[in-house]
Amino acid sequence: MKEASLSAKKTASGNYIIEAYGKGFGINGDKYYNPSGKQIIVKVCISADGAIIDSETTFEKETPDFGGSLLANTEFYEAYKGKTEENYSSVENYSGATYTGKGYKDALKNAFAVFKL
């Protein structure tokens, strides 16, 4: 399996931009729904004090009507703004896209691991 992150950059203001992998439906999905075998890739901007400033999914091959539409929804990302390593997992998963939501949180976990280095 690929490394947990693709890239990490510290900005002049002390924030971090990290692109990390997460195992969503494409990896952990039910074989009857043809998982893609691809991880979700999320770009996360984390402030110098460890809070999520913003995030976006840069690659996904999730189920189009479930996880794919969740990752296309800007309200989904809004729920994570301001969250830290200690509380990002408290954001509730969305019904019908559980694996995708877990994959997104997996990518955030990997981004925070890089942030702490």
C-alpha atoms as a PDB file:
ATOM      1  CA  MET A   1       0.000   0.000   0.000  1.00  0.00           C
ATOM      2  CA  LYS A   2       1.137   3.539  -0.666  1.00  0.00           C
ATOM      3  CA  GLU A   3       2.544   5.813   2.001  1.00  0.00           C
ATOM      4  CA  ALA A   4       0.095   7.746   4.186  1.00  0.00           C
ATOM      5  CA  SER A   5       0.835  11.101   2.521  1.00  0.00           C
ATOM      6  CA  LEU A   6       1.813  12.436  -0.876  1.00  0.00           C
ATOM      7  CA  SER A   7       3.164  15.817   0.103  1.00  0.00           C
ATOM      8  CA  ALA A   8       3.546  18.253   2.942  1.00  0.00           C
ATOM      9  CA  LYS A   9       4.455  21.917   2.790  1.00  0.00           C
ATOM     10  CA  LYS A  10       4.846  24.528   5.509  1.00  0.00           C
ATOM     11  CA  THR A  11       3.677  27.948   4.369  1.00  0.00           C
ATOM     12  CA  ALA A  12       5.343  31.277   5.203  1.00  0.00           C
ATOM     13  CA  SER A  13       2.610  31.928   7.774  1.00  0.00           C
ATOM     14  CA  GLY A  14       3.393  28.667   9.605  1.00  0.00           C
ATOM     15  CA  ASN A  15       0.371  26.729   8.368  1.00  0.00           C
ATOM     16  CA  TYR A  16       0.679  23.353   6.666  1.00  0.00           C
ATOM     17  CA  ILE A  17      -0.749  21.986   3.446  1.00  0.00           C
ATOM     18  CA  ILE A  18      -0.733  18.200   3.486  1.00  0.00           C
ATOM     19  CA  GLU A  19      -2.025  15.811   0.859  1.00  0.00           C
ATOM     20  CA  ALA A  20      -2.846  12.456   2.459  1.00  0.00           C
ATOM     21  CA  TYR A  21      -4.397   9.106   1.567  1.00  0.00           C
ATOM     22  CA  GLY A  22      -7.441   7.519   3.205  1.00  0.00           C
ATOM     23  CA  LYS A  23      -8.973   4.066   2.837  1.00  0.00           C
ATOM     24  CA  GLY A  24     -12.623   4.542   1.933  1.00  0.00           C
ATOM     25  CA  PHE A  25     -15.090   2.358   0.058  1.00  0.00           C
ATOM     26  CA  GLY A  26     -12.602   1.906  -2.783  1.00  0.00           C
ATOM     27  CA  ILE A  27     -10.386  -0.140  -0.446  1.00  0.00           C
ATOM     28  CA  ASN A  28     -12.736  -1.404   2.260  1.00  0.00           C
ATOM     29  CA  GLY A  29     -15.982  -1.668   0.302  1.00  0.00           C
ATOM     30  CA  ASP A  30     -18.235  -4.619  -0.207  1.00  0.00           C
ATOM     31  CA  LYS A  31     -17.051  -6.845  -3.054  1.00  0.00           C
ATOM     32  CA  TYR A  32     -20.617  -6.997  -4.421  1.00  0.00           C
ATOM     33  CA  TYR A  33     -20.521  -3.280  -5.213  1.00  0.00           C
ATOM     34  CA  ASN A  34     -17.203  -3.396  -7.062  1.00  0.00           C
ATOM     35  CA  PRO A  35     -14.818  -1.300  -4.957  1.00  0.00           C
ATOM     36  CA  SER A  36     -12.272   0.494  -7.128  1.00  0.00           C
ATOM     37  CA  GLY A  37      -9.131  -0.502  -5.222  1.00  0.00           C
ATOM     38  CA  LYS A  38      -8.218   3.208  -5.020  1.00  0.00           C
ATOM     39  CA  GLN A  39      -7.693   5.347  -1.938  1.00  0.00           C
ATOM     40  CA  ILE A  40      -9.191   8.775  -1.361  1.00  0.00           C
ATOM     41  CA  ILE A  41      -6.692  11.639  -1.568  1.00  0.00           C
ATOM     42  CA  VAL A  42      -7.428  14.699   0.563  1.00  0.00           C
ATOM     43  CA  LYS A  43      -5.582  18.026   0.650  1.00  0.00           C
ATOM     44  CA  VAL A  44      -5.778  19.501   4.159  1.00  0.00           C
ATOM     45  CA  CYS A  45      -4.670  22.933   5.338  1.00  0.00           C
ATOM     46  CA  ILE A  46      -3.821  22.825   9.047  1.00  0.00           C
ATOM     47  CA  SER A  47      -3.066  25.963  11.048  1.00  0.00           C
ATOM     48  CA  ALA A  48       0.165  26.292  13.022  1.00  0.00           C
ATOM     49  CA  ASP A  49      -1.827  25.557  16.183  1.00  0.00           C
ATOM     50  CA  GLY A  50      -3.275  22.320  14.736  1.00  0.00           C
ATOM     51  CA  ALA A  51      -6.794  23.200  13.547  1.00  0.00           C
ATOM     52  CA  ILE A  52      -8.196  22.358  10.117  1.00  0.00           C
ATOM     53  CA  ILE A  53      -8.491  25.554   8.080  1.00  0.00           C
ATOM     54  CA  ASP A  54      -9.870  23.901   4.963  1.00  0.00           C
ATOM     55  CA  SER A  55      -9.804  20.644   3.037  1.00  0.00           C
ATOM     56  CA  GLU A  56     -10.780  19.179  -0.297  1.00  0.00           C
ATOM     57  CA  THR A  57     -10.771  15.788  -1.937  1.00  0.00           C
ATOM     58  CA  THR A  58      -8.358  15.807  -4.868  1.00  0.00           C
ATOM     59  CA  PHE A  59      -8.958  12.206  -5.984  1.00  0.00           C
ATOM     60  CA  GLU A  60     -11.605   9.590  -5.319  1.00  0.00           C
ATOM     61  CA  LYS A  61     -13.122   6.556  -7.005  1.00  0.00           C
ATOM     62  CA  GLU A  62     -15.941   6.019  -4.537  1.00  0.00           C
ATOM     63  CA  THR A  63     -19.457   4.871  -5.453  1.00  0.00           C
ATOM     64  CA  PRO A  64     -20.878   7.800  -7.487  1.00  0.00           C
ATOM     65  CA  ASP A  65     -24.351   7.996  -5.896  1.00  0.00           C
ATOM     66  CA  PHE A  66     -23.124   7.568  -2.329  1.00  0.00           C
ATOM     67  CA  GLY A  67     -19.536   8.373  -1.369  1.00  0.00           C
ATOM     68  CA  GLY A  68     -18.815  10.295  -4.557  1.00  0.00           C
ATOM     69  CA  SER A  69     -21.724  12.640  -3.999  1.00  0.00           C
ATOM     70  CA  LEU A  70     -20.775  13.052  -0.339  1.00  0.00           C
ATOM     71  CA  LEU A  71     -17.278  14.184  -1.337  1.00  0.00           C
ATOM     72  CA  ALA A  72     -18.785  16.638  -3.837  1.00  0.00           C
ATOM     73  CA  ASN A  73     -20.867  18.283  -1.083  1.00  0.00           C
ATOM     74  CA  THR A  74     -19.253  21.445   0.335  1.00  0.00           C
ATOM     75  CA  GLU A  75     -21.296  21.120   3.556  1.00  0.00           C
ATOM     76  CA  PHE A  76     -19.418  17.891   4.277  1.00  0.00           C
ATOM     77  CA  TYR A  77     -16.105  19.786   4.422  1.00  0.00           C
ATOM     78  CA  GLU A  78     -17.558  22.615   6.496  1.00  0.00           C
ATOM     79  CA  ALA A  79     -18.183  20.188   9.365  1.00  0.00           C
ATOM     80  CA  TYR A  80     -14.417  19.655   9.721  1.00  0.00           C
ATOM     81  CA  LYS A  81     -13.302  23.292   9.726  1.00  0.00           C
ATOM     82  CA  GLY A  82     -11.756  24.228  13.060  1.00  0.00           C
ATOM     83  CA  LYS A  83     -11.474  20.599  14.156  1.00  0.00           C
ATOM     84  CA  THR A  84      -8.203  19.368  15.640  1.00  0.00           C
ATOM     85  CA  GLU A  85      -6.545  15.987  15.965  1.00  0.00           C
ATOM     86  CA  GLU A  86      -8.397  15.546  19.242  1.00  0.00           C
ATOM     87  CA  ASN A  87     -11.919  16.141  17.903  1.00  0.00           C
ATOM     88  CA  TYR A  88     -12.145  15.635  14.111  1.00  0.00           C
ATOM     89  CA  SER A  89     -13.406  12.079  14.627  1.00  0.00           C
ATOM     90  CA  SER A  90     -16.462  13.445  16.480  1.00  0.00           C
ATOM     91  CA  VAL A  91     -17.997  14.545  13.152  1.00  0.00           C
ATOM     92  CA  GLU A  92     -20.813  12.091  12.450  1.00  0.00           C
ATOM     93  CA  ASN A  93     -20.642   9.810   9.423  1.00  0.00           C
ATOM     94  CA  TYR A  94     -23.269  10.201   6.741  1.00  0.00           C
ATOM     95  CA  SER A  95     -25.810   7.449   6.227  1.00  0.00           C
ATOM     96  CA  GLY A  96     -25.213   5.611   2.960  1.00  0.00           C
ATOM     97  CA  ALA A  97     -21.571   6.698   2.717  1.00  0.00           C
ATOM     98  CA  THR A  98     -20.112   5.215   5.886  1.00  0.00           C
ATOM     99  CA  TYR A  99     -16.982   3.755   4.272  1.00  0.00           C
ATOM    100  CA  THR A 100     -16.282   6.997   2.430  1.00  0.00           C
ATOM    101  CA  GLY A 101     -16.664   9.045   5.624  1.00  0.00           C
ATOM    102  CA  LYS A 102     -14.306   6.681   7.435  1.00  0.00           C
ATOM    103  CA  GLY A 103     -11.842   6.970   4.538  1.00  0.00           C
ATOM    104  CA  TYR A 104     -11.943  10.757   4.744  1.00  0.00           C
ATOM    105  CA  LYS A 105     -11.243  10.559   8.494  1.00  0.00           C
ATOM    106  CA  ASP A 106      -8.428   8.110   7.751  1.00  0.00           C
ATOM    107  CA  ALA A 107      -6.867  10.717   5.436  1.00  0.00           C
ATOM    108  CA  LEU A 108      -7.214  13.363   8.172  1.00  0.00           C
ATOM    109  CA  LYS A 109      -5.558  11.006  10.678  1.00  0.00           C
ATOM    110  CA  ASN A 110      -2.658  10.574   8.241  1.00  0.00           C
ATOM    111  CA  ALA A 111      -2.428  14.340   7.669  1.00  0.00           C
ATOM    112  CA  PHE A 112      -2.275  15.004  11.421  1.00  0.00           C
ATOM    113  CA  ALA A 113       0.447  12.348  11.747  1.00  0.00           C
ATOM    114  CA  VAL A 114       2.526  14.248   9.185  1.00  0.00           C
ATOM    115  CA  PHE A 115       1.713  17.577  10.887  1.00  0.00           C
ATOM    116  CA  LYS A 116       3.154  16.298  14.173  1.00  0.00           C
ATOM    117  CA  LEU A 117       6.520  15.393  12.584  1.00  0.00           C
END
